[in-house]
Amino acid sequence: MKNEFKEGDITITVDYEKCKGSGECVTACPVEIFELVKGKAVAKNIKECIECCACVNTCPYIAIEHSSC
């Protein structure tokens, strides 16, 4: 199951079948967009996203897609 988070031109998709809740995205994101909820990554405050792609690049399970990356 993929969960899509969208605000404006930015869309972040997290594939919950791939996400293992390692939290790499939480620590890598410089503007704290991600948090873990029930062991899965959730993108919040997308308007704060600086489109650096750290979340995509750091996820060891390739569970995150970002419209800018």
N, C-alpha and C. Protein backbone atom coordinates (compact mmCIF):
# COMPACT_ATOMS: atom_id res chain seq x y z
N MET A 1 0.84 -1.18 0.00
CA MET A 1 0.00 0.00 0.00
C MET A 1 0.88 1.24 0.00
N LYS A 2 0.60 2.16 -0.89
CA LYS A 2 1.34 3.41 -0.95
C LYS A 2 0.49 4.52 -0.35
N ASN A 3 1.12 5.35 0.46
CA ASN A 3 0.43 6.48 1.06
C ASN A 3 1.04 7.75 0.49
N GLU A 4 0.20 8.59 -0.08
CA GLU A 4 0.66 9.80 -0.75
C GLU A 4 0.38 11.03 0.13
N PHE A 5 1.42 11.84 0.27
CA PHE A 5 1.33 13.09 1.02
C PHE A 5 1.60 14.21 0.02
N LYS A 6 0.69 15.17 -0.07
CA LYS A 6 0.82 16.19 -1.10
C LYS A 6 0.46 17.56 -0.55
N GLU A 7 1.24 18.54 -1.00
CA GLU A 7 0.94 19.94 -0.72
C GLU A 7 1.56 20.77 -1.83
N GLY A 8 0.75 21.56 -2.50
CA GLY A 8 1.22 22.36 -3.62
C GLY A 8 1.77 21.47 -4.71
N ASP A 9 2.99 21.76 -5.16
CA ASP A 9 3.64 20.99 -6.23
C ASP A 9 4.42 19.79 -5.71
N ILE A 10 4.48 19.62 -4.40
CA ILE A 10 5.29 18.56 -3.81
C ILE A 10 4.43 17.36 -3.45
N THR A 11 4.86 16.20 -3.91
CA THR A 11 4.20 14.94 -3.56
C THR A 11 5.26 13.98 -3.03
N ILE A 12 5.02 13.45 -1.85
CA ILE A 12 5.89 12.45 -1.26
C ILE A 12 5.06 11.19 -1.09
N THR A 13 5.56 10.08 -1.62
CA THR A 13 4.86 8.82 -1.53
C THR A 13 5.70 7.83 -0.73
N VAL A 14 5.06 7.20 0.25
CA VAL A 14 5.74 6.19 1.06
C VAL A 14 5.06 4.85 0.79
N ASP A 15 5.85 3.89 0.35
CA ASP A 15 5.34 2.55 0.10
C ASP A 15 5.40 1.78 1.41
N TYR A 16 4.24 1.57 2.03
CA TYR A 16 4.18 0.94 3.34
C TYR A 16 4.50 -0.55 3.30
N GLU A 17 4.51 -1.16 2.14
CA GLU A 17 4.94 -2.55 2.04
C GLU A 17 6.47 -2.64 2.13
N LYS A 18 7.16 -1.58 1.69
CA LYS A 18 8.62 -1.55 1.74
C LYS A 18 9.15 -0.92 3.03
N CYS A 19 8.42 0.05 3.58
CA CYS A 19 8.87 0.78 4.76
C CYS A 19 8.95 -0.16 5.96
N LYS A 20 10.11 -0.19 6.59
CA LYS A 20 10.33 -1.04 7.77
C LYS A 20 10.45 -0.21 9.05
N GLY A 21 10.25 1.10 8.94
CA GLY A 21 10.28 1.96 10.12
C GLY A 21 11.65 2.16 10.72
N SER A 22 12.68 2.15 9.89
CA SER A 22 14.04 2.32 10.40
C SER A 22 14.30 3.73 10.91
N GLY A 23 13.53 4.70 10.43
CA GLY A 23 13.67 6.08 10.89
C GLY A 23 14.79 6.86 10.22
N GLU A 24 15.41 6.30 9.21
CA GLU A 24 16.49 7.02 8.51
C GLU A 24 15.98 8.34 7.93
N CYS A 25 14.77 8.33 7.40
CA CYS A 25 14.19 9.55 6.82
C CYS A 25 13.97 10.62 7.89
N VAL A 26 13.61 10.18 9.09
CA VAL A 26 13.36 11.11 10.19
C VAL A 26 14.64 11.85 10.55
N THR A 27 15.74 11.12 10.67
CA THR A 27 17.00 11.75 11.06
C THR A 27 17.67 12.49 9.90
N ALA A 28 17.44 12.06 8.67
CA ALA A 28 18.09 12.69 7.51
C ALA A 28 17.44 14.01 7.10
N CYS A 29 16.15 14.14 7.31
CA CYS A 29 15.44 15.33 6.85
C CYS A 29 15.84 16.56 7.67
N PRO A 30 16.44 17.56 7.03
CA PRO A 30 16.90 18.74 7.77
C PRO A 30 15.78 19.65 8.26
N VAL A 31 14.57 19.48 7.74
CA VAL A 31 13.45 20.33 8.16
C VAL A 31 12.36 19.54 8.88
N GLU A 32 12.70 18.34 9.31
CA GLU A 32 11.84 17.52 10.17
C GLU A 32 10.43 17.27 9.61
N ILE A 33 10.38 16.87 8.37
CA ILE A 33 9.09 16.58 7.73
C ILE A 33 8.55 15.22 8.16
N PHE A 34 9.43 14.28 8.44
CA PHE A 34 9.00 12.91 8.72
C PHE A 34 8.90 12.60 10.20
N GLU A 35 7.98 11.68 10.51
CA GLU A 35 7.90 11.08 11.83
C GLU A 35 7.44 9.64 11.63
N LEU A 36 7.68 8.81 12.62
CA LEU A 36 7.21 7.43 12.56
C LEU A 36 5.90 7.32 13.32
N VAL A 37 4.91 6.74 12.68
CA VAL A 37 3.61 6.50 13.29
C VAL A 37 3.29 5.03 13.10
N LYS A 38 3.16 4.33 14.19
CA LYS A 38 2.89 2.88 14.16
C LYS A 38 3.92 2.15 13.30
N GLY A 39 5.18 2.58 13.40
CA GLY A 39 6.27 1.91 12.71
C GLY A 39 6.41 2.20 11.23
N LYS A 40 5.73 3.25 10.76
CA LYS A 40 5.81 3.63 9.34
C LYS A 40 6.10 5.12 9.23
N ALA A 41 6.79 5.51 8.15
CA ALA A 41 7.12 6.91 7.91
C ALA A 41 5.87 7.68 7.47
N VAL A 42 5.71 8.84 8.07
CA VAL A 42 4.61 9.74 7.72
C VAL A 42 5.22 11.10 7.42
N ALA A 43 4.84 11.69 6.30
CA ALA A 43 5.33 13.01 5.92
C ALA A 43 4.32 14.05 6.39
N LYS A 44 4.79 14.95 7.23
CA LYS A 44 3.93 16.02 7.74
C LYS A 44 4.60 17.35 7.40
N ASN A 45 3.89 18.42 7.48
CA ASN A 45 4.47 19.75 7.22
C ASN A 45 5.20 19.81 5.87
N ILE A 46 4.59 19.27 4.85
CA ILE A 46 5.24 19.22 3.53
C ILE A 46 5.57 20.62 3.02
N LYS A 47 4.82 21.61 3.45
CA LYS A 47 5.11 22.98 3.00
C LYS A 47 6.51 23.44 3.43
N GLU A 48 7.09 22.78 4.42
CA GLU A 48 8.44 23.12 4.89
C GLU A 48 9.54 22.43 4.07
N CYS A 49 9.16 21.52 3.20
CA CYS A 49 10.13 20.74 2.42
C CYS A 49 11.01 21.65 1.57
N ILE A 50 12.31 21.39 1.61
CA ILE A 50 13.26 22.17 0.80
C ILE A 50 13.72 21.39 -0.43
N GLU A 51 13.08 20.24 -0.67
CA GLU A 51 13.33 19.43 -1.86
C GLU A 51 14.79 19.00 -2.01
N CYS A 52 15.39 18.61 -0.89
CA CYS A 52 16.80 18.19 -0.90
C CYS A 52 16.98 16.72 -1.25
N CYS A 53 15.91 15.96 -1.18
CA CYS A 53 15.91 14.53 -1.53
C CYS A 53 16.66 13.65 -0.53
N ALA A 54 16.98 14.18 0.65
CA ALA A 54 17.66 13.36 1.66
C ALA A 54 16.83 12.16 2.06
N CYS A 55 15.52 12.32 2.11
CA CYS A 55 14.64 11.21 2.49
C CYS A 55 14.74 10.06 1.50
N VAL A 56 14.73 10.39 0.23
CA VAL A 56 14.81 9.37 -0.82
C VAL A 56 16.18 8.70 -0.79
N ASN A 57 17.21 9.49 -0.68
CA ASN A 57 18.58 8.97 -0.75
C ASN A 57 18.98 8.15 0.46
N THR A 58 18.37 8.39 1.60
CA THR A 58 18.79 7.70 2.82
C THR A 58 17.97 6.46 3.15
N CYS A 59 16.80 6.32 2.57
CA CYS A 59 15.94 5.18 2.89
C CYS A 59 16.58 3.86 2.41
N PRO A 60 16.92 2.98 3.35
CA PRO A 60 17.58 1.73 2.95
C PRO A 60 16.64 0.75 2.24
N TYR A 61 15.35 1.01 2.28
CA TYR A 61 14.38 0.09 1.70
C TYR A 61 13.74 0.63 0.42
N ILE A 62 14.22 1.79 -0.03
CA ILE A 62 13.73 2.43 -1.26
C ILE A 62 12.19 2.56 -1.20
N ALA A 63 11.72 3.02 -0.05
CA ALA A 63 10.27 3.12 0.17
C ALA A 63 9.70 4.51 -0.08
N ILE A 64 10.57 5.50 -0.33
CA ILE A 64 10.12 6.88 -0.48
C ILE A 64 10.34 7.37 -1.89
N GLU A 65 9.29 7.96 -2.45
CA GLU A 65 9.38 8.63 -3.74
C GLU A 65 9.04 10.10 -3.50
N HIS A 66 9.74 10.99 -4.18
CA HIS A 66 9.54 12.43 -4.01
C HIS A 66 9.42 13.04 -5.41
N SER A 67 8.45 13.90 -5.60
CA SER A 67 8.21 14.48 -6.93
C SER A 67 9.39 15.31 -7.43
N SER A 68 10.27 15.73 -6.56
CA SER A 68 11.41 16.56 -6.98
C SER A 68 12.69 15.77 -7.20
N CYS A 69 12.67 14.50 -6.89
CA CYS A 69 13.93 13.73 -6.94
C CYS A 69 13.98 12.78 -8.11
